[in-house]
């Protein structure tokens, strides 16, 4: 039997860092965890079409920092930063609604992803957008894979979709793979993401692996 490991978790402490960076004990741990999950879910739904790569959180007793990595930074920030202020106000509303403590200082940083085609989260959003616009799934897979492989940073890509593809009665899986994806190599810089496309006849799951070469550090 194979043991399938999450490619991101597999490289934690080697190539990757945790997406939530905080420490709490007892009741604090429960509250921090609930806050983390609720805010992450809220932001993922709110920024669904903004090509968000990842949402990272750092906190201590007084400060709470949210880092949003996206390829459409300008659309999130808005004119003179009013978009960020809106998100901040809505985060406070979510915390108050769920009777969670509001930190003294909340900072929201928006970082731009320079190479969107080499980021699994953004590639997954591209596939979801194509599927939700009712473009045939094989064309979406081929076009996206070609676009990703055109990037100099990328050495391999694999995209897998599963569900009622093309509105078929029975669910099935289809995938496209180009280049190499060495999943068992720790130093292989593999970005991984899972997305879901909500269509009228059901949900289609999308998984993306992007291989960006091996990382050799001292």
Protein backbone atom coordinates (compact mmCIF):
# COMPACT_ATOMS: atom_id res chain seq x y z
CA UNK A 1 0.00 0.00 0.00
CA UNK A 2 1.29 3.47 -0.84
CA UNK A 3 1.43 6.22 1.78
CA UNK A 4 0.47 9.49 0.11
CA UNK A 5 1.90 12.49 1.95
CA UNK A 6 0.89 16.12 1.44
CA UNK A 7 3.77 17.66 -0.62
CA UNK A 8 3.74 20.87 1.47
CA UNK A 9 3.73 19.11 4.87
CA UNK A 10 6.39 16.69 3.61
CA UNK A 11 8.86 19.59 3.24
CA UNK A 12 8.06 21.57 6.41
CA UNK A 13 11.25 22.60 8.15
CA UNK A 14 13.29 21.72 5.04
CA UNK A 15 12.08 24.03 2.26
CA UNK A 16 8.81 25.32 3.70
CA UNK A 17 7.69 27.29 6.73
CA UNK A 18 4.36 27.00 8.56
CA UNK A 19 1.47 29.10 7.19
CA UNK A 20 0.27 29.84 10.74
CA UNK A 21 2.94 31.12 13.10
CA UNK A 22 1.68 31.49 16.67
CA UNK A 23 1.86 29.73 20.02
CA UNK A 24 -0.83 29.26 22.66
CA UNK A 25 -1.65 26.96 25.55
CA UNK A 26 -4.97 25.77 26.99
CA UNK A 27 -7.87 28.13 26.29
CA UNK A 28 -5.63 30.46 24.28
CA UNK A 29 -4.73 27.64 21.89
CA UNK A 30 -8.42 26.86 21.30
CA UNK A 31 -9.23 30.53 20.67
CA UNK A 32 -6.23 31.12 18.38
CA UNK A 33 -7.05 27.98 16.37
CA UNK A 34 -10.72 28.95 15.97
CA UNK A 35 -9.71 32.50 14.95
CA UNK A 36 -7.21 31.11 12.42
CA UNK A 37 -9.73 28.75 10.78
CA UNK A 38 -12.63 31.25 10.67
CA UNK A 39 -10.56 34.11 9.21
CA UNK A 40 -8.87 31.83 6.68
CA UNK A 41 -12.26 30.51 5.47
CA UNK A 42 -13.74 34.01 5.34
CA UNK A 43 -10.82 35.46 3.32
CA UNK A 44 -10.72 32.50 0.91
CA UNK A 45 -14.44 33.01 0.12
CA UNK A 46 -14.20 36.81 -0.11
CA UNK A 47 -11.08 36.81 -2.33
CA UNK A 48 -12.12 33.81 -4.43
CA UNK A 49 -11.56 35.43 -7.87
CA UNK A 50 -8.49 37.46 -6.86
CA UNK A 51 -5.95 34.70 -7.69
CA UNK A 52 -4.85 34.30 -4.06
CA UNK A 53 -1.84 32.01 -3.67
CA UNK A 54 -1.81 31.65 0.13
CA UNK A 55 -2.89 33.31 3.37
CA UNK A 56 -0.34 33.35 6.20
CA UNK A 57 -0.91 34.41 9.81
CA UNK A 58 1.44 35.53 12.57
CA UNK A 59 0.35 36.56 16.05
CA UNK A 60 1.27 37.15 19.66
CA UNK A 61 -0.82 38.54 22.53
CA UNK A 62 -1.06 42.07 21.10
CA UNK A 63 -0.24 41.91 17.38
CA UNK A 64 -2.02 39.95 14.63
CA UNK A 65 -0.56 39.98 11.12
CA UNK A 66 -2.24 38.55 8.01
CA UNK A 67 -0.15 38.17 4.83
CA UNK A 68 -2.12 37.69 1.59
CA UNK A 69 -0.04 36.52 -1.40
CA UNK A 70 -1.72 37.21 -4.73
CA UNK A 71 -1.02 38.05 -8.36
CA UNK A 72 -3.72 40.77 -8.31
CA UNK A 73 -2.41 42.89 -5.45
CA UNK A 74 -3.73 46.17 -6.88
CA UNK A 75 -7.32 44.90 -6.95
CA UNK A 76 -7.18 43.86 -3.27
CA UNK A 77 -5.37 47.00 -2.03
CA UNK A 78 -7.72 49.34 -3.93
CA UNK A 79 -7.34 53.09 -4.34
CA UNK A 80 -5.20 54.61 -1.58
CA UNK A 81 -5.42 51.36 0.40
CA UNK A 82 -9.17 51.46 1.16
CA UNK A 83 -9.52 47.77 0.12
CA UNK A 84 -7.15 46.68 2.90
CA UNK A 85 -9.02 48.83 5.43
CA UNK A 86 -12.32 47.20 4.41
CA UNK A 87 -10.84 43.71 4.89
CA UNK A 88 -9.50 44.76 8.30
CA UNK A 89 -12.94 46.06 9.40
CA UNK A 90 -14.64 42.86 8.18
CA UNK A 91 -12.09 40.66 10.02
CA UNK A 92 -12.91 42.54 13.26
CA UNK A 93 -16.65 41.99 12.56
CA UNK A 94 -16.08 38.23 12.10
CA UNK A 95 -14.15 38.06 15.40
CA UNK A 96 -16.85 39.97 17.30
CA UNK A 97 -19.66 37.91 15.75
CA UNK A 98 -18.02 34.68 16.93
CA UNK A 99 -17.28 36.16 20.40
CA UNK A 100 -13.50 35.97 19.95
CA UNK A 101 -11.03 38.46 21.42
CA UNK A 102 -9.94 41.24 19.05
CA UNK A 103 -6.15 41.87 19.10
CA UNK A 104 -4.92 45.39 19.86
CA UNK A 105 -3.14 45.69 16.54
CA UNK A 106 -4.23 44.04 13.26
CA UNK A 107 -1.99 44.41 10.21
CA UNK A 108 -2.87 43.17 6.71
CA UNK A 109 -0.01 42.91 4.21
CA UNK A 110 -0.66 42.19 0.53
CA UNK A 111 2.32 40.67 -1.30
CA UNK A 112 2.44 40.36 -5.07
CA UNK A 113 3.44 37.02 -6.61
CA UNK A 114 5.92 37.90 -9.35
CA UNK A 115 5.56 34.71 -11.38
CA UNK A 116 1.90 33.55 -11.21
CA UNK A 117 2.47 30.62 -13.61
CA UNK A 118 4.95 29.06 -11.15
CA UNK A 119 2.50 29.18 -8.22
CA UNK A 120 0.22 26.16 -7.70
CA UNK A 121 -2.51 28.16 -5.89
CA UNK A 122 -2.84 30.66 -8.76
CA UNK A 123 -2.66 27.91 -11.43
CA UNK A 124 -5.47 26.10 -9.57
CA UNK A 125 -7.54 29.32 -9.62
CA UNK A 126 -6.97 29.59 -13.40
CA UNK A 127 -8.31 26.04 -13.90
CA UNK A 128 -11.32 26.70 -11.62
CA UNK A 129 -12.11 29.93 -13.50
CA UNK A 130 -12.04 28.08 -16.85
CA UNK A 131 -14.26 25.26 -15.58
CA UNK A 132 -16.78 27.67 -14.03
CA UNK A 133 -16.98 29.54 -17.38
CA UNK A 134 -18.02 26.18 -18.94
CA UNK A 135 -14.90 25.85 -21.12
CA UNK A 136 -14.35 22.12 -22.03
CA UNK A 137 -12.16 20.62 -19.27
CA UNK A 138 -9.59 19.06 -21.66
CA UNK A 139 -8.98 22.44 -23.29
CA UNK A 140 -8.63 24.09 -19.86
CA UNK A 141 -6.06 21.47 -18.77
CA UNK A 142 -4.02 21.71 -21.98
CA UNK A 143 -4.03 25.53 -22.14
CA UNK A 144 -3.10 25.89 -18.46
CA UNK A 145 -0.32 23.25 -18.62
CA UNK A 146 1.18 24.92 -21.73
CA UNK A 147 1.05 28.34 -20.06
CA UNK A 148 2.77 26.99 -16.92
CA UNK A 149 5.52 25.17 -18.87
CA UNK A 150 6.23 28.38 -20.82
CA UNK A 151 7.58 29.90 -17.59
CA UNK A 152 11.38 29.64 -17.17
CA UNK A 153 11.11 28.77 -13.47
CA UNK A 154 8.94 25.66 -14.00
CA UNK A 155 10.41 22.23 -14.76
CA UNK A 156 7.26 20.15 -14.45
CA UNK A 157 3.51 20.41 -13.88
CA UNK A 158 0.70 17.99 -13.12
CA UNK A 159 -2.98 19.01 -13.03
CA UNK A 160 -5.69 16.57 -11.94
CA UNK A 161 -9.45 17.18 -12.07
CA UNK A 162 -12.08 14.84 -10.67
CA UNK A 163 -15.86 14.87 -10.52
CA UNK A 164 -18.71 14.96 -13.03
CA UNK A 165 -16.49 16.12 -15.88
CA UNK A 166 -18.43 17.50 -18.83
CA UNK A 167 -21.67 16.92 -16.91
CA UNK A 168 -21.33 13.11 -17.17
CA UNK A 169 -23.47 10.92 -14.90
CA UNK A 170 -20.47 9.10 -13.41
CA UNK A 171 -17.62 10.93 -11.73
CA UNK A 172 -14.12 10.26 -13.05
CA UNK A 173 -10.57 11.59 -12.97
CA UNK A 174 -8.58 13.20 -15.77
CA UNK A 175 -5.05 14.56 -15.57
CA UNK A 176 -2.32 16.14 -17.64
CA UNK A 177 1.38 15.93 -16.82
CA UNK A 178 4.34 17.69 -18.41
CA UNK A 179 7.97 17.55 -17.30
CA UNK A 180 9.11 15.95 -14.01
CA UNK A 181 7.39 15.81 -10.60
CA UNK A 182 9.85 14.09 -8.16
CA UNK A 183 7.55 13.88 -5.11
CA UNK A 184 9.89 11.77 -2.96
CA UNK A 185 12.88 14.13 -3.22
CA UNK A 186 12.99 16.42 -0.17
CA UNK A 187 15.03 19.14 -1.88
CA UNK A 188 12.62 19.25 -4.87
CA UNK A 189 10.75 22.55 -4.70
CA UNK A 190 7.21 21.29 -5.37
CA UNK A 191 4.29 23.65 -4.90
CA UNK A 192 0.92 21.97 -4.33
CA UNK A 193 -2.64 23.23 -4.16
CA UNK A 194 -6.21 21.91 -3.94
CA UNK A 195 -9.15 23.95 -5.27
CA UNK A 196 -12.79 23.28 -5.99
CA UNK A 197 -14.94 24.48 -8.89
CA UNK A 198 -18.65 24.84 -8.04
CA UNK A 199 -20.71 23.97 -11.12
CA UNK A 200 -24.48 23.62 -11.53
CA UNK A 201 -24.27 19.80 -11.69
CA UNK A 202 -21.82 19.36 -8.80
CA UNK A 203 -18.35 20.12 -7.48
CA UNK A 204 -15.18 19.40 -9.46
CA UNK A 205 -11.97 19.02 -7.47
CA UNK A 206 -8.71 20.43 -8.86
CA UNK A 207 -5.22 19.41 -7.71
CA UNK A 208 -2.06 21.10 -8.99
CA UNK A 209 1.62 20.15 -8.56
CA UNK A 210 4.30 22.56 -9.87
CA UNK A 211 7.98 21.54 -9.81
CA UNK A 212 10.47 24.44 -9.79
CA UNK A 213 13.78 22.58 -9.60
CA UNK A 214 15.93 21.39 -6.70
CA UNK A 215 16.99 23.73 -3.90
CA UNK A 216 20.58 23.30 -2.68
CA UNK A 217 21.41 25.31 0.43
CA UNK A 218 24.63 25.38 2.47
